[in-house]
Amino acid sequence: MRHTIPIQRSPAARAFSLIEAVICILVIGVLTAISLTVLNPASKKRIESVSYRRTAQEFCSVANAALVAGARFVVPNDVPATMKKLVTGVSPTSGSFKGHVFKMPNVDDITLAQAQAFIVLQNGQLTYLANEPYSD
């Protein structure tokens, strides 16, 4: 008759080490975070809204710099036309910045239209609406 003797393993060899457990939890957490940001459509809308807000802020900054430099580009009571002039570029006709072009390059029509929601024309200059709520 043959007898087999079971091999006894030490407790450390039978279980995960603490480092292995922490690494597993870390990998699961990273994968969960990635999947939530990719699969969540609300976060994509939020990112787009922040992008449009930032574009609106840049439009106002460029417009104010152009006004201070002496460029005449504001179309009274017409925010879209004023913004389109900034997309193509405006230049002062006199002063220190004569010939310098102030413009917002690489702005497509969709971004232009969305950024308009955060801009008003007040006293002949573009003003950013900081208190406008995010649209989800």
N, C-alpha and C. Protein backbone atom coordinates (compact mmCIF):
# COMPACT_ATOMS: atom_id res chain seq x y z
N MET A 1 0.83 -1.14 0.00
CA MET A 1 0.00 0.00 0.00
C MET A 1 0.90 1.24 0.00
N ARG A 2 0.49 2.12 -0.76
CA ARG A 2 1.26 3.33 -0.93
C ARG A 2 0.65 4.47 -0.13
N HIS A 3 1.46 5.12 0.59
CA HIS A 3 0.99 6.27 1.36
C HIS A 3 1.56 7.55 0.76
N THR A 4 0.68 8.51 0.64
CA THR A 4 1.16 9.81 0.17
C THR A 4 1.13 10.79 1.32
N ILE A 5 2.13 11.56 1.36
CA ILE A 5 2.23 12.55 2.41
C ILE A 5 1.93 13.92 1.79
N PRO A 6 0.88 14.59 2.26
CA PRO A 6 0.58 15.90 1.69
C PRO A 6 1.69 16.90 2.03
N ILE A 7 1.98 17.70 1.06
CA ILE A 7 3.02 18.71 1.26
C ILE A 7 2.40 19.89 2.01
N GLN A 8 3.02 20.24 3.04
CA GLN A 8 2.55 21.36 3.83
C GLN A 8 3.23 22.63 3.34
N ARG A 9 2.42 23.66 3.02
CA ARG A 9 2.97 24.95 2.62
C ARG A 9 2.89 25.90 3.79
N SER A 10 3.79 26.82 3.77
CA SER A 10 3.78 27.81 4.83
C SER A 10 2.60 28.76 4.62
N PRO A 11 2.10 29.42 5.64
CA PRO A 11 0.97 30.35 5.49
C PRO A 11 1.27 31.48 4.49
N ALA A 12 2.52 31.91 4.41
CA ALA A 12 2.89 32.98 3.49
C ALA A 12 2.76 32.52 2.03
N ALA A 13 2.98 31.27 1.77
CA ALA A 13 2.92 30.76 0.40
C ALA A 13 1.48 30.52 -0.06
N ARG A 14 0.54 30.39 0.87
CA ARG A 14 -0.85 30.10 0.53
C ARG A 14 -1.68 31.34 0.22
N ALA A 15 -1.30 32.51 0.65
CA ALA A 15 -2.13 33.70 0.52
C ALA A 15 -1.40 34.78 -0.27
N PHE A 16 -2.21 35.79 -0.70
CA PHE A 16 -1.62 36.96 -1.35
C PHE A 16 -0.79 37.72 -0.33
N SER A 17 0.25 38.31 -0.82
CA SER A 17 0.99 39.21 0.06
C SER A 17 0.27 40.55 0.08
N LEU A 18 0.61 41.37 0.99
CA LEU A 18 -0.03 42.68 1.11
C LEU A 18 0.21 43.52 -0.15
N ILE A 19 1.39 43.46 -0.69
CA ILE A 19 1.71 44.23 -1.90
C ILE A 19 0.89 43.74 -3.08
N GLU A 20 0.73 42.44 -3.23
CA GLU A 20 -0.09 41.91 -4.33
C GLU A 20 -1.54 42.36 -4.20
N ALA A 21 -2.07 42.38 -3.00
CA ALA A 21 -3.45 42.82 -2.79
C ALA A 21 -3.60 44.31 -3.11
N VAL A 22 -2.65 45.13 -2.69
CA VAL A 22 -2.70 46.56 -2.97
C VAL A 22 -2.62 46.82 -4.47
N ILE A 23 -1.77 46.09 -5.16
CA ILE A 23 -1.64 46.25 -6.62
C ILE A 23 -2.94 45.87 -7.31
N CYS A 24 -3.57 44.79 -6.88
CA CYS A 24 -4.86 44.39 -7.47
C CYS A 24 -5.92 45.47 -7.27
N ILE A 25 -6.00 46.01 -6.08
CA ILE A 25 -6.97 47.07 -5.80
C ILE A 25 -6.66 48.31 -6.63
N LEU A 26 -5.41 48.65 -6.76
CA LEU A 26 -5.00 49.80 -7.56
C LEU A 26 -5.39 49.63 -9.03
N VAL A 27 -5.14 48.47 -9.59
CA VAL A 27 -5.49 48.20 -10.99
C VAL A 27 -7.01 48.27 -11.19
N ILE A 28 -7.76 47.70 -10.29
CA ILE A 28 -9.22 47.75 -10.38
C ILE A 28 -9.70 49.20 -10.30
N GLY A 29 -9.12 49.99 -9.40
CA GLY A 29 -9.50 51.40 -9.27
C GLY A 29 -9.20 52.20 -10.53
N VAL A 30 -8.04 51.99 -11.11
CA VAL A 30 -7.68 52.71 -12.34
C VAL A 30 -8.61 52.32 -13.48
N LEU A 31 -8.87 51.06 -13.65
CA LEU A 31 -9.79 50.61 -14.71
C LEU A 31 -11.20 51.16 -14.51
N THR A 32 -11.65 51.22 -13.28
CA THR A 32 -12.97 51.78 -12.99
C THR A 32 -13.01 53.26 -13.32
N ALA A 33 -12.00 54.00 -12.94
CA ALA A 33 -11.96 55.44 -13.22
C ALA A 33 -11.94 55.71 -14.72
N ILE A 34 -11.17 54.94 -15.45
CA ILE A 34 -11.12 55.12 -16.90
C ILE A 34 -12.47 54.80 -17.53
N SER A 35 -13.08 53.71 -17.12
CA SER A 35 -14.36 53.34 -17.73
C SER A 35 -15.46 54.34 -17.38
N LEU A 36 -15.45 54.90 -16.19
CA LEU A 36 -16.47 55.87 -15.82
C LEU A 36 -16.35 57.15 -16.63
N THR A 37 -15.13 57.62 -16.87
CA THR A 37 -14.97 58.85 -17.65
C THR A 37 -15.26 58.63 -19.12
N VAL A 38 -14.95 57.47 -19.64
CA VAL A 38 -15.19 57.19 -21.06
C VAL A 38 -16.67 56.93 -21.33
N LEU A 39 -17.30 56.21 -20.44
CA LEU A 39 -18.68 55.79 -20.68
C LEU A 39 -19.73 56.78 -20.19
N ASN A 40 -19.34 57.79 -19.45
CA ASN A 40 -20.30 58.73 -18.89
C ASN A 40 -20.54 59.90 -19.86
N PRO A 41 -21.70 59.95 -20.52
CA PRO A 41 -21.96 61.03 -21.48
C PRO A 41 -22.08 62.40 -20.81
N ALA A 42 -22.47 62.44 -19.55
CA ALA A 42 -22.60 63.73 -18.87
C ALA A 42 -21.23 64.39 -18.71
N SER A 43 -20.19 63.60 -18.46
CA SER A 43 -18.87 64.19 -18.31
C SER A 43 -18.37 64.72 -19.65
N LYS A 44 -18.74 64.07 -20.74
CA LYS A 44 -18.35 64.58 -22.06
C LYS A 44 -19.02 65.92 -22.33
N LYS A 45 -20.29 66.05 -21.97
CA LYS A 45 -20.98 67.33 -22.14
C LYS A 45 -20.35 68.40 -21.27
N ARG A 46 -19.96 68.03 -20.07
CA ARG A 46 -19.32 68.99 -19.16
C ARG A 46 -18.00 69.47 -19.74
N ILE A 47 -17.22 68.55 -20.29
CA ILE A 47 -15.94 68.91 -20.89
C ILE A 47 -16.15 69.83 -22.08
N GLU A 48 -17.15 69.53 -22.91
CA GLU A 48 -17.45 70.40 -24.06
C GLU A 48 -17.88 71.78 -23.59
N SER A 49 -18.71 71.84 -22.56
CA SER A 49 -19.18 73.12 -22.04
C SER A 49 -18.01 73.95 -21.52
N VAL A 50 -17.09 73.33 -20.82
CA VAL A 50 -15.92 74.04 -20.31
C VAL A 50 -15.06 74.52 -21.47
N SER A 51 -14.95 73.71 -22.50
CA SER A 51 -14.18 74.11 -23.69
C SER A 51 -14.81 75.33 -24.36
N TYR A 52 -16.13 75.34 -24.49
CA TYR A 52 -16.81 76.48 -25.11
C TYR A 52 -16.67 77.73 -24.24
N ARG A 53 -16.73 77.56 -22.93
CA ARG A 53 -16.54 78.69 -22.02
C ARG A 53 -15.14 79.28 -22.17
N ARG A 54 -14.17 78.39 -22.26
CA ARG A 54 -12.79 78.86 -22.40
C ARG A 54 -12.61 79.60 -23.72
N THR A 55 -13.22 79.10 -24.78
CA THR A 55 -13.15 79.80 -26.07
C THR A 55 -13.80 81.17 -25.97
N ALA A 56 -14.93 81.26 -25.27
CA ALA A 56 -15.60 82.55 -25.08
C ALA A 56 -14.70 83.52 -24.31
N GLN A 57 -14.01 83.03 -23.29
CA GLN A 57 -13.09 83.87 -22.53
C GLN A 57 -11.95 84.37 -23.42
N GLU A 58 -11.44 83.48 -24.27
CA GLU A 58 -10.36 83.88 -25.18
C GLU A 58 -10.85 84.93 -26.17
N PHE A 59 -12.07 84.76 -26.68
CA PHE A 59 -12.63 85.77 -27.59
C PHE A 59 -12.67 87.13 -26.91
N CYS A 60 -13.15 87.16 -25.68
CA CYS A 60 -13.25 88.44 -24.96
C CYS A 60 -11.87 89.04 -24.70
N SER A 61 -10.89 88.21 -24.38
CA SER A 61 -9.54 88.71 -24.15
C SER A 61 -8.94 89.31 -25.41
N VAL A 62 -9.07 88.59 -26.53
CA VAL A 62 -8.53 89.09 -27.80
C VAL A 62 -9.27 90.36 -28.22
N ALA A 63 -10.60 90.37 -28.03
CA ALA A 63 -11.39 91.55 -28.39
C ALA A 63 -10.97 92.76 -27.58
N ASN A 64 -10.78 92.59 -26.29
CA ASN A 64 -10.38 93.72 -25.44
C ASN A 64 -8.98 94.21 -25.80
N ALA A 65 -8.07 93.29 -26.09
CA ALA A 65 -6.73 93.70 -26.50
C ALA A 65 -6.78 94.48 -27.81
N ALA A 66 -7.60 94.01 -28.75
CA ALA A 66 -7.72 94.69 -30.04
C ALA A 66 -8.34 96.08 -29.86
N LEU A 67 -9.34 96.20 -28.99
CA LEU A 67 -9.96 97.51 -28.74
C LEU A 67 -8.96 98.48 -28.12
N VAL A 68 -8.19 98.01 -27.16
CA VAL A 68 -7.20 98.87 -26.51
C VAL A 68 -6.14 99.30 -27.52
N ALA A 69 -5.80 98.41 -28.45
CA ALA A 69 -4.79 98.74 -29.47
C ALA A 69 -5.32 99.69 -30.53
N GLY A 70 -6.64 99.84 -30.60
CA GLY A 70 -7.22 100.78 -31.55
C GLY A 70 -7.90 100.16 -32.75
N ALA A 71 -8.09 98.85 -32.75
CA ALA A 71 -8.78 98.20 -33.86
C ALA A 71 -10.28 98.48 -33.77
N ARG A 72 -10.88 98.74 -34.89
CA ARG A 72 -12.32 99.00 -34.96
C ARG A 72 -12.98 97.82 -35.68
N PHE A 73 -13.64 96.99 -34.94
CA PHE A 73 -14.22 95.79 -35.53
C PHE A 73 -15.60 95.45 -35.00
N VAL A 74 -16.05 96.12 -33.97
CA VAL A 74 -17.33 95.79 -33.33
C VAL A 74 -18.48 96.17 -34.24
N VAL A 75 -19.35 95.19 -34.48
CA VAL A 75 -20.59 95.44 -35.22
C VAL A 75 -21.67 95.66 -34.16
N PRO A 76 -22.24 96.87 -34.09
CA PRO A 76 -23.21 97.18 -33.03
C PRO A 76 -24.38 96.19 -33.00
N ASN A 77 -24.67 95.70 -31.81
CA ASN A 77 -25.79 94.79 -31.54
C ASN A 77 -25.72 93.49 -32.33
N ASP A 78 -24.53 93.05 -32.72
CA ASP A 78 -24.39 91.80 -33.49
C ASP A 78 -23.16 91.04 -33.01
N VAL A 79 -23.37 90.20 -32.00
CA VAL A 79 -22.27 89.42 -31.43
C VAL A 79 -21.68 88.45 -32.45
N PRO A 80 -22.51 87.69 -33.21
CA PRO A 80 -21.93 86.74 -34.17
C PRO A 80 -21.04 87.41 -35.22
N ALA A 81 -21.48 88.55 -35.75
CA ALA A 81 -20.68 89.24 -36.77
C ALA A 81 -19.38 89.77 -36.16
N THR A 82 -19.44 90.26 -34.94
CA THR A 82 -18.24 90.76 -34.27
C THR A 82 -17.25 89.61 -34.03
N MET A 83 -17.77 88.46 -33.60
CA MET A 83 -16.90 87.31 -33.36
C MET A 83 -16.29 86.80 -34.66
N LYS A 84 -17.06 86.81 -35.74
CA LYS A 84 -16.52 86.36 -37.03
C LYS A 84 -15.40 87.27 -37.52
N LYS A 85 -15.50 88.56 -37.23
CA LYS A 85 -14.41 89.46 -37.58
C LYS A 85 -13.14 89.09 -36.82
N LEU A 86 -13.29 88.67 -35.57
CA LEU A 86 -12.12 88.25 -34.80
C LEU A 86 -11.54 86.94 -35.32
N VAL A 87 -12.37 86.09 -35.87
CA VAL A 87 -11.86 84.84 -36.43
C VAL A 87 -11.00 85.13 -37.66
N THR A 88 -11.45 86.05 -38.50
CA THR A 88 -10.68 86.39 -39.69
C THR A 88 -9.50 87.28 -39.36
N GLY A 89 -9.60 88.08 -38.32
CA GLY A 89 -8.49 88.92 -37.89
C GLY A 89 -8.78 90.40 -38.10
N VAL A 90 -8.40 91.21 -37.14
CA VAL A 90 -8.56 92.67 -37.22
C VAL A 90 -7.22 93.31 -36.89
N SER A 91 -7.03 94.51 -37.43
CA SER A 91 -5.77 95.20 -37.24
C SER A 91 -6.04 96.69 -37.03
N PRO A 92 -5.37 97.31 -36.07
CA PRO A 92 -5.50 98.76 -35.89
C PRO A 92 -4.91 99.50 -37.10
N THR A 93 -5.47 100.64 -37.43
CA THR A 93 -4.98 101.42 -38.57
C THR A 93 -3.98 102.49 -38.16
N SER A 94 -3.83 102.70 -36.85
CA SER A 94 -2.85 103.69 -36.39
C SER A 94 -2.35 103.28 -35.01
N GLY A 95 -1.33 103.96 -34.54
CA GLY A 95 -0.82 103.71 -33.20
C GLY A 95 0.32 102.69 -33.19
N SER A 96 0.72 102.32 -32.01
CA SER A 96 1.85 101.41 -31.83
C SER A 96 1.61 100.02 -32.41
N PHE A 97 0.36 99.59 -32.43
CA PHE A 97 0.04 98.25 -32.90
C PHE A 97 -0.44 98.23 -34.35
N LYS A 98 -0.20 99.29 -35.08
CA LYS A 98 -0.61 99.37 -36.48
C LYS A 98 0.03 98.19 -37.24
N GLY A 99 -0.82 97.47 -37.94
CA GLY A 99 -0.35 96.32 -38.70
C GLY A 99 -0.36 95.01 -37.92
N HIS A 100 -0.46 95.07 -36.60
CA HIS A 100 -0.54 93.84 -35.80
C HIS A 100 -1.94 93.25 -35.95
N VAL A 101 -2.01 91.93 -36.18
CA VAL A 101 -3.31 91.29 -36.41
C VAL A 101 -3.76 90.60 -35.11
N PHE A 102 -4.95 90.95 -34.68
CA PHE A 102 -5.58 90.29 -33.53
C PHE A 102 -6.62 89.33 -34.10
N LYS A 103 -6.47 88.04 -33.80
CA LYS A 103 -7.43 87.08 -34.34
C LYS A 103 -7.50 85.82 -33.49
N MET A 104 -8.57 85.10 -33.72
CA MET A 104 -8.82 83.81 -33.08
C MET A 104 -8.75 82.74 -34.17
N PRO A 105 -7.59 82.17 -34.42
CA PRO A 105 -7.48 81.18 -35.49
C PRO A 105 -8.06 79.83 -35.08
N ASN A 106 -8.36 79.05 -36.08
CA ASN A 106 -8.79 77.65 -35.89
C ASN A 106 -10.04 77.48 -35.05
N VAL A 107 -11.00 78.37 -35.21
CA VAL A 107 -12.28 78.24 -34.51
C VAL A 107 -13.32 77.84 -35.56
N ASP A 108 -13.89 76.65 -35.40
CA ASP A 108 -14.89 76.20 -36.36
C ASP A 108 -16.26 76.82 -36.05
N ASP A 109 -17.20 76.63 -36.96
CA ASP A 109 -18.52 77.26 -36.82
C ASP A 109 -19.29 76.74 -35.61
N ILE A 110 -19.14 75.47 -35.29
CA ILE A 110 -19.85 74.89 -34.14
C ILE A 110 -19.32 75.51 -32.84
N THR A 111 -18.01 75.58 -32.70
CA THR A 111 -17.41 76.17 -31.50
C THR A 111 -17.78 77.64 -31.39
N LEU A 112 -17.78 78.32 -32.53
CA LEU A 112 -18.15 79.74 -32.55
C LEU A 112 -19.58 79.92 -32.06
N ALA A 113 -20.49 79.09 -32.56
CA ALA A 113 -21.89 79.20 -32.16
C ALA A 113 -22.09 78.88 -30.68
N GLN A 114 -21.39 77.87 -30.18
CA GLN A 114 -21.54 77.48 -28.78
C GLN A 114 -20.93 78.52 -27.84
N ALA A 115 -19.82 79.13 -28.25
CA ALA A 115 -19.16 80.14 -27.41
C ALA A 115 -20.01 81.41 -27.32
N GLN A 116 -20.83 81.68 -28.33
CA GLN A 116 -21.69 82.87 -28.32
C GLN A 116 -22.66 82.87 -27.16
N ALA A 117 -23.01 81.69 -26.66
CA ALA A 117 -23.95 81.60 -25.54
C ALA A 117 -23.40 82.25 -24.27
N PHE A 118 -22.08 82.44 -24.21
CA PHE A 118 -21.45 82.98 -23.01
C PHE A 118 -20.93 84.40 -23.20
N ILE A 119 -21.32 85.05 -24.31
CA ILE A 119 -20.80 86.38 -24.61
C ILE A 119 -21.95 87.34 -24.91
N VAL A 120 -21.84 88.56 -24.41
CA VAL A 120 -22.77 89.64 -24.76
C VAL A 120 -21.95 90.84 -25.21
N LEU A 121 -22.61 91.74 -25.90
CA LEU A 121 -21.98 92.98 -26.35
C LEU A 121 -22.49 94.11 -25.46
N GLN A 122 -21.61 94.67 -24.64
CA GLN A 122 -21.98 95.74 -23.72
C GLN A 122 -21.03 96.92 -23.92
N ASN A 123 -21.61 98.08 -24.15
CA ASN A 123 -20.82 99.31 -24.31
C ASN A 123 -19.72 99.17 -25.35
N GLY A 124 -20.03 98.48 -26.43
CA GLY A 124 -19.08 98.37 -27.53
C GLY A 124 -17.96 97.38 -27.33
N GLN A 125 -18.09 96.48 -26.38
CA GLN A 125 -17.06 95.46 -26.21
C GLN A 125 -17.69 94.13 -25.82
N LEU A 126 -17.00 93.05 -26.20
CA LEU A 126 -17.48 91.71 -25.86
C LEU A 126 -17.25 91.45 -24.38
N THR A 127 -18.27 90.93 -23.71
CA THR A 127 -18.19 90.66 -22.28
C THR A 127 -18.55 89.20 -22.03
N TYR A 128 -17.74 88.54 -21.25
CA TYR A 128 -17.95 87.13 -20.89
C TYR A 128 -18.97 87.04 -19.77
N LEU A 129 -19.95 86.15 -19.92
CA LEU A 129 -20.97 85.94 -18.89
C LEU A 129 -20.49 84.85 -17.93
N ALA A 130 -19.84 85.26 -16.87
CA ALA A 130 -19.26 84.30 -15.93
C ALA A 130 -20.31 83.58 -15.12
N ASN A 131 -21.47 84.16 -14.91
CA ASN A 131 -22.50 83.55 -14.07
C ASN A 131 -23.46 82.66 -14.83
N GLU A 132 -23.26 82.49 -16.12
CA GLU A 132 -24.13 81.63 -16.90
C GLU A 132 -23.93 80.19 -16.43
N PRO A 133 -25.00 79.45 -16.10
CA PRO A 133 -24.83 78.10 -15.58
C PRO A 133 -24.33 77.14 -16.66
N TYR A 134 -23.67 76.09 -16.19
CA TYR A 134 -23.24 75.03 -17.11
C TYR A 134 -24.45 74.35 -17.68
N SER A 135 -24.37 73.96 -18.93
CA SER A 135 -25.49 73.24 -19.55
C SER A 135 -25.11 71.77 -19.65
N ASP A 136 -25.87 70.92 -18.98
CA ASP A 136 -25.60 69.47 -19.02
C ASP A 136 -26.56 68.80 -19.97
